[in-house]
Amino acid sequence: MYKKMTIAALLVALCTPTVRAAAPFQINGDVGLSALIALSDGRMQSMASLLEAIAKSPSVQSGQWSSVQRPLREAAALGISGLLFFAAPDGAYWTLSGGKMNANVADRDYFKAAMSGRVSIGDLTTSRSTGKVQTVVAVPVRNASGSVIGVLAGSIFLEDL
């Protein structure tokens, strides 16, 4: 009997977790910042890839907002957060939530880059439609002959990151 009680006590002692004070949770600032940058870069690259794919669809290549908004809605339904929009060559632009906006983006660097045929990733600006600080991803929209006829873009609000 004594032997059984000793074995039972030993098993309880071995199986009972030891309680220790947990060390305070700490994050190295450099590591945290690097992780945030990597996460942000990945999100912007994903948005650029998606916008480039959408820009190749015939409905977007028409350059008409009535045809562009359906593929943008489908992209938004995939969980792409931020403000997706289409801009005409004169800088007038349309958003999914607001339709044609009163502001103009012709003076924005991301717009100029995309209109010259380059993808622009990561321009920091303040949104003219929401007033929020954002980073913008913009891709050129080309017609069937290869001419740039507009810009597809997505704003990622920094507070969302």
N, C-alpha and C. Protein backbone atom coordinates (compact mmCIF):
# COMPACT_ATOMS: atom_id res chain seq x y z
N MET A 1 0.82 -1.18 0.00
CA MET A 1 0.00 0.00 0.00
C MET A 1 0.87 1.24 0.00
N TYR A 2 1.91 1.23 0.85
CA TYR A 2 2.81 2.37 0.94
C TYR A 2 3.49 2.61 -0.40
N LYS A 3 3.84 1.51 -1.09
CA LYS A 3 4.51 1.60 -2.38
C LYS A 3 3.59 2.25 -3.41
N LYS A 4 2.29 1.88 -3.42
CA LYS A 4 1.32 2.44 -4.36
C LYS A 4 1.12 3.93 -4.11
N MET A 5 1.08 4.34 -2.83
CA MET A 5 0.88 5.75 -2.49
C MET A 5 2.11 6.58 -2.90
N THR A 6 3.28 6.01 -2.76
CA THR A 6 4.52 6.71 -3.13
C THR A 6 4.56 6.90 -4.64
N ILE A 7 4.18 5.88 -5.39
CA ILE A 7 4.16 5.98 -6.87
C ILE A 7 3.13 7.01 -7.30
N ALA A 8 1.95 7.00 -6.67
CA ALA A 8 0.90 7.96 -7.01
C ALA A 8 1.37 9.39 -6.71
N ALA A 9 2.02 9.59 -5.57
CA ALA A 9 2.51 10.92 -5.20
C ALA A 9 3.58 11.37 -6.19
N LEU A 10 4.43 10.44 -6.60
CA LEU A 10 5.48 10.77 -7.56
C LEU A 10 4.87 11.15 -8.91
N LEU A 11 3.87 10.42 -9.37
CA LEU A 11 3.19 10.73 -10.63
C LEU A 11 2.51 12.09 -10.58
N VAL A 12 1.85 12.39 -9.48
CA VAL A 12 1.21 13.70 -9.33
C VAL A 12 2.24 14.80 -9.37
N ALA A 13 3.36 14.59 -8.69
CA ALA A 13 4.43 15.61 -8.67
C ALA A 13 5.01 15.81 -10.07
N LEU A 14 5.17 14.75 -10.82
CA LEU A 14 5.75 14.86 -12.16
C LEU A 14 4.77 15.47 -13.16
N CYS A 15 3.50 15.22 -12.98
CA CYS A 15 2.49 15.69 -13.94
C CYS A 15 1.95 17.08 -13.63
N THR A 16 2.19 17.57 -12.46
CA THR A 16 1.69 18.89 -12.08
C THR A 16 2.64 19.94 -12.64
N PRO A 17 2.10 20.88 -13.42
CA PRO A 17 2.98 21.91 -13.98
C PRO A 17 3.53 22.81 -12.88
N THR A 18 4.73 23.25 -13.11
CA THR A 18 5.37 24.16 -12.18
C THR A 18 4.90 25.58 -12.50
N VAL A 19 4.49 26.30 -11.50
CA VAL A 19 4.02 27.67 -11.69
C VAL A 19 5.20 28.61 -11.52
N ARG A 20 5.45 29.40 -12.57
CA ARG A 20 6.52 30.38 -12.53
C ARG A 20 5.96 31.72 -12.97
N ALA A 21 6.56 32.75 -12.52
CA ALA A 21 6.15 34.07 -12.97
C ALA A 21 6.60 34.23 -14.42
N ALA A 22 5.69 34.62 -15.27
CA ALA A 22 6.00 34.81 -16.68
C ALA A 22 6.83 36.08 -16.86
N ALA A 23 7.78 35.99 -17.76
CA ALA A 23 8.59 37.17 -18.07
C ALA A 23 7.71 38.18 -18.79
N PRO A 24 7.91 39.45 -18.56
CA PRO A 24 7.09 40.46 -19.26
C PRO A 24 7.29 40.35 -20.76
N PHE A 25 6.21 40.57 -21.50
CA PHE A 25 6.25 40.50 -22.97
C PHE A 25 6.97 41.73 -23.49
N GLN A 26 7.97 41.51 -24.34
CA GLN A 26 8.73 42.62 -24.90
C GLN A 26 8.90 42.41 -26.40
N ILE A 27 8.90 43.51 -27.12
CA ILE A 27 9.14 43.45 -28.56
C ILE A 27 10.33 44.35 -28.85
N ASN A 28 11.27 43.83 -29.59
CA ASN A 28 12.39 44.63 -30.05
C ASN A 28 11.83 45.59 -31.09
N GLY A 29 12.05 46.88 -30.91
CA GLY A 29 11.50 47.90 -31.81
C GLY A 29 11.92 47.71 -33.25
N ASP A 30 13.17 47.36 -33.48
CA ASP A 30 13.65 47.15 -34.84
C ASP A 30 12.96 45.96 -35.50
N VAL A 31 12.79 44.90 -34.74
CA VAL A 31 12.13 43.71 -35.27
C VAL A 31 10.67 44.02 -35.56
N GLY A 32 10.01 44.72 -34.65
CA GLY A 32 8.61 45.08 -34.85
C GLY A 32 8.42 45.95 -36.07
N LEU A 33 9.30 46.94 -36.24
CA LEU A 33 9.21 47.82 -37.40
C LEU A 33 9.47 47.05 -38.69
N SER A 34 10.45 46.17 -38.69
CA SER A 34 10.75 45.36 -39.87
C SER A 34 9.55 44.47 -40.24
N ALA A 35 8.90 43.92 -39.23
CA ALA A 35 7.73 43.07 -39.48
C ALA A 35 6.59 43.89 -40.08
N LEU A 36 6.37 45.09 -39.56
CA LEU A 36 5.33 45.96 -40.08
C LEU A 36 5.62 46.35 -41.52
N ILE A 37 6.85 46.66 -41.82
CA ILE A 37 7.23 47.03 -43.19
C ILE A 37 7.02 45.85 -44.13
N ALA A 38 7.43 44.67 -43.72
CA ALA A 38 7.26 43.48 -44.56
C ALA A 38 5.79 43.20 -44.80
N LEU A 39 4.97 43.32 -43.78
CA LEU A 39 3.54 43.11 -43.90
C LEU A 39 2.92 44.13 -44.85
N SER A 40 3.31 45.38 -44.71
CA SER A 40 2.80 46.45 -45.57
C SER A 40 3.22 46.23 -47.02
N ASP A 41 4.50 45.91 -47.22
CA ASP A 41 4.98 45.67 -48.58
C ASP A 41 4.22 44.53 -49.24
N GLY A 42 4.00 43.47 -48.49
CA GLY A 42 3.26 42.33 -49.03
C GLY A 42 1.84 42.70 -49.41
N ARG A 43 1.21 43.49 -48.59
CA ARG A 43 -0.17 43.91 -48.87
C ARG A 43 -0.21 44.79 -50.11
N MET A 44 0.75 45.70 -50.25
CA MET A 44 0.77 46.59 -51.42
C MET A 44 1.10 45.81 -52.69
N GLN A 45 2.02 44.86 -52.61
CA GLN A 45 2.35 44.04 -53.78
C GLN A 45 1.14 43.21 -54.21
N SER A 46 0.41 42.67 -53.25
CA SER A 46 -0.79 41.90 -53.57
C SER A 46 -1.83 42.77 -54.26
N MET A 47 -2.00 43.98 -53.75
CA MET A 47 -2.96 44.89 -54.37
C MET A 47 -2.52 45.25 -55.78
N ALA A 48 -1.23 45.50 -55.99
CA ALA A 48 -0.73 45.84 -57.32
C ALA A 48 -0.98 44.69 -58.30
N SER A 49 -0.72 43.47 -57.87
CA SER A 49 -0.93 42.30 -58.73
C SER A 49 -2.40 42.16 -59.11
N LEU A 50 -3.27 42.34 -58.14
CA LEU A 50 -4.70 42.25 -58.41
C LEU A 50 -5.16 43.35 -59.36
N LEU A 51 -4.73 44.58 -59.11
CA LEU A 51 -5.12 45.69 -59.98
C LEU A 51 -4.59 45.51 -61.40
N GLU A 52 -3.36 44.99 -61.53
CA GLU A 52 -2.81 44.74 -62.87
C GLU A 52 -3.65 43.70 -63.61
N ALA A 53 -4.10 42.68 -62.91
CA ALA A 53 -4.93 41.66 -63.55
C ALA A 53 -6.28 42.26 -63.98
N ILE A 54 -6.87 43.05 -63.12
CA ILE A 54 -8.15 43.68 -63.44
C ILE A 54 -7.99 44.63 -64.62
N ALA A 55 -6.87 45.37 -64.67
CA ALA A 55 -6.64 46.35 -65.74
C ALA A 55 -6.59 45.71 -67.11
N LYS A 56 -6.34 44.40 -67.18
CA LYS A 56 -6.26 43.70 -68.46
C LYS A 56 -7.61 43.21 -68.96
N SER A 57 -8.66 43.37 -68.16
CA SER A 57 -9.97 42.90 -68.60
C SER A 57 -10.57 43.87 -69.62
N PRO A 58 -11.26 43.35 -70.63
CA PRO A 58 -11.84 44.21 -71.67
C PRO A 58 -12.79 45.27 -71.11
N SER A 59 -13.52 44.95 -70.06
CA SER A 59 -14.45 45.94 -69.50
C SER A 59 -13.70 47.14 -68.92
N VAL A 60 -12.55 46.90 -68.30
CA VAL A 60 -11.75 47.99 -67.75
C VAL A 60 -11.05 48.73 -68.88
N GLN A 61 -10.58 48.01 -69.88
CA GLN A 61 -9.89 48.62 -71.00
C GLN A 61 -10.79 49.55 -71.81
N SER A 62 -12.09 49.48 -71.56
CA SER A 62 -13.01 50.41 -72.23
C SER A 62 -12.82 51.83 -71.71
N GLY A 63 -12.34 51.95 -70.46
CA GLY A 63 -12.15 53.27 -69.87
C GLY A 63 -13.43 53.93 -69.40
N GLN A 64 -14.52 53.21 -69.43
CA GLN A 64 -15.83 53.76 -69.01
C GLN A 64 -16.15 53.28 -67.59
N TRP A 65 -16.44 54.21 -66.68
CA TRP A 65 -16.70 53.87 -65.29
C TRP A 65 -17.81 52.83 -65.17
N SER A 66 -18.82 52.92 -66.01
CA SER A 66 -19.94 51.97 -65.93
C SER A 66 -19.46 50.53 -66.17
N SER A 67 -18.38 50.36 -66.91
CA SER A 67 -17.82 49.02 -67.15
C SER A 67 -16.73 48.66 -66.15
N VAL A 68 -16.05 49.66 -65.62
CA VAL A 68 -14.93 49.44 -64.70
C VAL A 68 -15.40 49.04 -63.31
N GLN A 69 -16.54 49.58 -62.88
CA GLN A 69 -16.94 49.38 -61.49
C GLN A 69 -17.25 47.93 -61.13
N ARG A 70 -17.75 47.14 -62.06
CA ARG A 70 -18.06 45.74 -61.74
C ARG A 70 -16.81 44.95 -61.35
N PRO A 71 -15.71 44.99 -62.14
CA PRO A 71 -14.51 44.27 -61.71
C PRO A 71 -13.92 44.81 -60.40
N LEU A 72 -14.04 46.12 -60.16
CA LEU A 72 -13.56 46.67 -58.89
C LEU A 72 -14.40 46.16 -57.72
N ARG A 73 -15.72 46.06 -57.92
CA ARG A 73 -16.59 45.51 -56.87
C ARG A 73 -16.21 44.06 -56.55
N GLU A 74 -15.90 43.31 -57.59
CA GLU A 74 -15.49 41.92 -57.39
C GLU A 74 -14.19 41.85 -56.59
N ALA A 75 -13.27 42.76 -56.88
CA ALA A 75 -12.01 42.81 -56.12
C ALA A 75 -12.28 43.16 -54.67
N ALA A 76 -13.16 44.12 -54.44
CA ALA A 76 -13.51 44.51 -53.07
C ALA A 76 -14.15 43.33 -52.34
N ALA A 77 -14.93 42.54 -53.05
CA ALA A 77 -15.59 41.38 -52.43
C ALA A 77 -14.57 40.31 -52.02
N LEU A 78 -13.38 40.35 -52.59
CA LEU A 78 -12.33 39.40 -52.22
C LEU A 78 -11.66 39.77 -50.90
N GLY A 79 -12.08 40.89 -50.33
CA GLY A 79 -11.52 41.29 -49.05
C GLY A 79 -10.40 42.30 -49.16
N ILE A 80 -10.24 42.89 -50.34
CA ILE A 80 -9.22 43.94 -50.49
C ILE A 80 -9.73 45.16 -49.74
N SER A 81 -9.02 45.51 -48.68
CA SER A 81 -9.47 46.67 -47.92
C SER A 81 -8.80 47.92 -48.46
N GLY A 82 -9.44 49.02 -48.24
CA GLY A 82 -8.96 50.28 -48.78
C GLY A 82 -9.97 50.82 -49.77
N LEU A 83 -9.62 51.91 -50.37
CA LEU A 83 -10.50 52.58 -51.31
C LEU A 83 -10.02 52.29 -52.72
N LEU A 84 -10.79 51.55 -53.50
CA LEU A 84 -10.44 51.24 -54.87
C LEU A 84 -11.07 52.29 -55.78
N PHE A 85 -10.29 52.75 -56.78
CA PHE A 85 -10.85 53.76 -57.68
C PHE A 85 -10.25 53.69 -59.07
N PHE A 86 -10.95 54.34 -60.00
CA PHE A 86 -10.52 54.47 -61.38
C PHE A 86 -10.40 55.95 -61.69
N ALA A 87 -9.29 56.33 -62.35
CA ALA A 87 -9.08 57.72 -62.73
C ALA A 87 -8.94 57.81 -64.26
N ALA A 88 -9.60 58.81 -64.82
CA ALA A 88 -9.51 59.09 -66.25
C ALA A 88 -8.21 59.86 -66.53
N PRO A 89 -7.82 59.97 -67.79
CA PRO A 89 -6.56 60.67 -68.12
C PRO A 89 -6.49 62.12 -67.64
N ASP A 90 -7.63 62.76 -67.42
CA ASP A 90 -7.61 64.15 -66.94
C ASP A 90 -7.53 64.24 -65.41
N GLY A 91 -7.51 63.09 -64.71
CA GLY A 91 -7.42 63.07 -63.25
C GLY A 91 -8.74 62.99 -62.53
N ALA A 92 -9.85 63.10 -63.25
CA ALA A 92 -11.16 62.88 -62.62
C ALA A 92 -11.21 61.42 -62.19
N TYR A 93 -11.85 61.16 -61.03
CA TYR A 93 -11.86 59.77 -60.58
C TYR A 93 -13.18 59.37 -59.94
N TRP A 94 -13.40 58.06 -59.94
CA TRP A 94 -14.61 57.45 -59.41
C TRP A 94 -14.23 56.40 -58.38
N THR A 95 -15.00 56.34 -57.30
CA THR A 95 -14.80 55.31 -56.27
C THR A 95 -16.04 54.44 -56.20
N LEU A 96 -15.88 53.25 -55.65
CA LEU A 96 -17.02 52.35 -55.52
C LEU A 96 -18.09 52.93 -54.59
N SER A 97 -17.66 53.56 -53.53
CA SER A 97 -18.62 54.05 -52.54
C SER A 97 -19.20 55.41 -52.89
N GLY A 98 -18.48 56.22 -53.65
CA GLY A 98 -18.94 57.59 -53.89
C GLY A 98 -19.22 57.95 -55.32
N GLY A 99 -18.97 57.03 -56.26
CA GLY A 99 -19.16 57.38 -57.67
C GLY A 99 -18.14 58.43 -58.09
N LYS A 100 -18.57 59.36 -58.96
CA LYS A 100 -17.64 60.40 -59.41
C LYS A 100 -17.37 61.37 -58.28
N MET A 101 -16.10 61.60 -58.03
CA MET A 101 -15.69 62.48 -56.93
C MET A 101 -15.47 63.90 -57.46
N ASN A 102 -15.59 64.87 -56.57
CA ASN A 102 -15.39 66.27 -56.95
C ASN A 102 -13.91 66.64 -57.06
N ALA A 103 -13.04 65.88 -56.40
CA ALA A 103 -11.60 66.16 -56.41
C ALA A 103 -10.97 65.62 -57.69
N ASN A 104 -9.69 65.94 -57.87
CA ASN A 104 -8.95 65.52 -59.05
C ASN A 104 -7.57 65.05 -58.58
N VAL A 105 -7.05 63.99 -59.22
CA VAL A 105 -5.77 63.42 -58.81
C VAL A 105 -4.66 63.62 -59.84
N ALA A 106 -4.89 64.48 -60.84
CA ALA A 106 -3.92 64.66 -61.91
C ALA A 106 -2.56 65.13 -61.42
N ASP A 107 -2.51 65.82 -60.28
CA ASP A 107 -1.23 66.32 -59.77
C ASP A 107 -0.50 65.33 -58.87
N ARG A 108 -1.09 64.20 -58.59
CA ARG A 108 -0.48 63.21 -57.70
C ARG A 108 0.61 62.42 -58.43
N ASP A 109 1.70 62.15 -57.72
CA ASP A 109 2.83 61.43 -58.33
C ASP A 109 2.43 60.03 -58.78
N TYR A 110 1.62 59.33 -57.99
CA TYR A 110 1.21 57.97 -58.38
C TYR A 110 0.41 58.00 -59.67
N PHE A 111 -0.41 59.02 -59.85
CA PHE A 111 -1.21 59.15 -61.07
C PHE A 111 -0.30 59.40 -62.28
N LYS A 112 0.64 60.32 -62.12
CA LYS A 112 1.57 60.65 -63.20
C LYS A 112 2.39 59.42 -63.60
N ALA A 113 2.84 58.66 -62.61
CA ALA A 113 3.62 57.45 -62.89
C ALA A 113 2.79 56.44 -63.67
N ALA A 114 1.58 56.19 -63.22
CA ALA A 114 0.72 55.21 -63.89
C ALA A 114 0.33 55.69 -65.30
N MET A 115 0.07 56.97 -65.46
CA MET A 115 -0.27 57.49 -66.79
C MET A 115 0.92 57.41 -67.75
N SER A 116 2.14 57.36 -67.20
CA SER A 116 3.32 57.20 -68.06
C SER A 116 3.63 55.72 -68.29
N GLY A 117 2.77 54.83 -67.77
CA GLY A 117 2.91 53.40 -68.03
C GLY A 117 3.59 52.60 -66.94
N ARG A 118 3.90 53.23 -65.81
CA ARG A 118 4.59 52.53 -64.72
C ARG A 118 3.64 52.22 -63.57
N VAL A 119 3.91 51.15 -62.87
CA VAL A 119 3.18 50.82 -61.65
C VAL A 119 3.78 51.65 -60.53
N SER A 120 2.94 52.23 -59.71
CA SER A 120 3.40 53.03 -58.57
C SER A 120 2.93 52.35 -57.29
N ILE A 121 3.88 52.08 -56.40
CA ILE A 121 3.54 51.40 -55.15
C ILE A 121 4.10 52.20 -53.98
N GLY A 122 3.21 52.59 -53.09
CA GLY A 122 3.65 53.14 -51.82
C GLY A 122 3.72 54.64 -51.68
N ASP A 123 3.17 55.41 -52.61
CA ASP A 123 3.16 56.86 -52.41
C ASP A 123 2.33 57.21 -51.18
N LEU A 124 2.88 58.00 -50.28
CA LEU A 124 2.16 58.44 -49.09
C LEU A 124 1.49 59.78 -49.38
N THR A 125 0.20 59.85 -49.13
CA THR A 125 -0.57 61.07 -49.35
C THR A 125 -1.68 61.17 -48.32
N THR A 126 -2.39 62.27 -48.37
CA THR A 126 -3.62 62.41 -47.61
C THR A 126 -4.76 62.35 -48.62
N SER A 127 -5.72 61.48 -48.38
CA SER A 127 -6.82 61.28 -49.31
C SER A 127 -7.64 62.56 -49.45
N ARG A 128 -7.94 62.91 -50.68
CA ARG A 128 -8.79 64.08 -50.92
C ARG A 128 -10.26 63.77 -50.69
N SER A 129 -10.61 62.50 -50.72
CA SER A 129 -12.02 62.17 -50.50
C SER A 129 -12.34 61.83 -49.05
N THR A 130 -11.35 61.32 -48.28
CA THR A 130 -11.63 60.95 -46.89
C THR A 130 -10.84 61.77 -45.88
N GLY A 131 -9.75 62.41 -46.32
CA GLY A 131 -8.89 63.16 -45.40
C GLY A 131 -7.95 62.28 -44.58
N LYS A 132 -7.94 60.97 -44.85
CA LYS A 132 -7.10 60.04 -44.10
C LYS A 132 -5.72 59.92 -44.75
N VAL A 133 -4.71 59.64 -43.92
CA VAL A 133 -3.37 59.37 -44.43
C VAL A 133 -3.40 57.99 -45.07
N GLN A 134 -2.79 57.89 -46.24
CA GLN A 134 -2.89 56.65 -47.01
C GLN A 134 -1.60 56.40 -47.78
N THR A 135 -1.46 55.17 -48.22
CA THR A 135 -0.45 54.82 -49.20
C THR A 135 -1.22 54.32 -50.41
N VAL A 136 -0.73 54.65 -51.59
CA VAL A 136 -1.49 54.36 -52.81
C VAL A 136 -0.71 53.42 -53.71
N VAL A 137 -1.44 52.49 -54.31
CA VAL A 137 -0.93 51.60 -55.34
C VAL A 137 -1.70 51.96 -56.60
N ALA A 138 -0.99 52.25 -57.69
CA ALA A 138 -1.65 52.65 -58.94
C ALA A 138 -1.03 51.91 -60.12
N VAL A 139 -1.90 51.46 -61.03
CA VAL A 139 -1.44 50.75 -62.22
C VAL A 139 -2.08 51.38 -63.45
N PRO A 140 -1.35 51.36 -64.56
CA PRO A 140 -1.93 51.92 -65.79
C PRO A 140 -2.99 51.00 -66.36
N VAL A 141 -3.97 51.61 -66.99
CA VAL A 141 -4.99 50.87 -67.75
C VAL A 141 -4.72 51.18 -69.21
N ARG A 142 -4.51 50.15 -70.00
CA ARG A 142 -4.22 50.32 -71.43
C ARG A 142 -5.39 49.82 -72.26
N ASN A 143 -5.63 50.49 -73.38
CA ASN A 143 -6.67 50.01 -74.29
C ASN A 143 -6.08 48.89 -75.15
N ALA A 144 -6.87 48.38 -76.08
CA ALA A 144 -6.45 47.25 -76.90
C ALA A 144 -5.20 47.55 -77.72
N SER A 145 -4.98 48.82 -78.07
CA SER A 145 -3.79 49.17 -78.87
C SER A 145 -2.57 49.45 -78.00
N GLY A 146 -2.72 49.41 -76.66
CA GLY A 146 -1.59 49.58 -75.76
C GLY A 146 -1.42 50.98 -75.20
N SER A 147 -2.29 51.92 -75.59
CA SER A 147 -2.20 53.28 -75.05
C SER A 147 -2.79 53.34 -73.65
N VAL A 148 -2.15 54.12 -72.78
CA VAL A 148 -2.67 54.28 -71.42
C VAL A 148 -3.90 55.19 -71.47
N ILE A 149 -5.01 54.66 -70.97
CA ILE A 149 -6.28 55.41 -71.03
C ILE A 149 -6.86 55.69 -69.65
N GLY A 150 -6.11 55.37 -68.60
CA GLY A 150 -6.59 55.63 -67.25
C GLY A 150 -5.73 54.92 -66.22
N VAL A 151 -6.19 55.00 -64.99
CA VAL A 151 -5.44 54.45 -63.85
C VAL A 151 -6.40 53.71 -62.93
N LEU A 152 -6.02 52.50 -62.54
CA LEU A 152 -6.71 51.80 -61.46
C LEU A 152 -5.84 51.96 -60.23
N ALA A 153 -6.45 52.28 -59.12
CA ALA A 153 -5.66 52.50 -57.91
C ALA A 153 -6.40 52.01 -56.68
N GLY A 154 -5.62 51.80 -55.66
CA GLY A 154 -6.15 51.43 -54.35
C GLY A 154 -5.42 52.19 -53.27
N SER A 155 -6.18 52.78 -52.38
CA SER A 155 -5.61 53.47 -51.23
C SER A 155 -5.68 52.54 -50.04
N ILE A 156 -4.58 52.39 -49.34
CA ILE A 156 -4.55 51.63 -48.10
C ILE A 156 -4.36 52.64 -46.98
N PHE A 157 -5.36 52.77 -46.14
CA PHE A 157 -5.30 53.76 -45.07
C PHE A 157 -4.35 53.27 -43.99
N LEU A 158 -3.42 54.12 -43.60
CA LEU A 158 -2.37 53.72 -42.67
C LEU A 158 -2.92 53.29 -41.32
N GLU A 159 -4.02 53.87 -40.91
CA GLU A 159 -4.59 53.45 -39.62
C GLU A 159 -5.10 52.00 -39.71
N ASP A 160 -5.42 51.52 -40.91
CA ASP A 160 -5.85 50.13 -41.07
C ASP A 160 -4.68 49.16 -40.98
N LEU A 161 -3.47 49.65 -41.31
CA LEU A 161 -2.30 48.77 -41.20
C LEU A 161 -1.94 48.54 -39.77
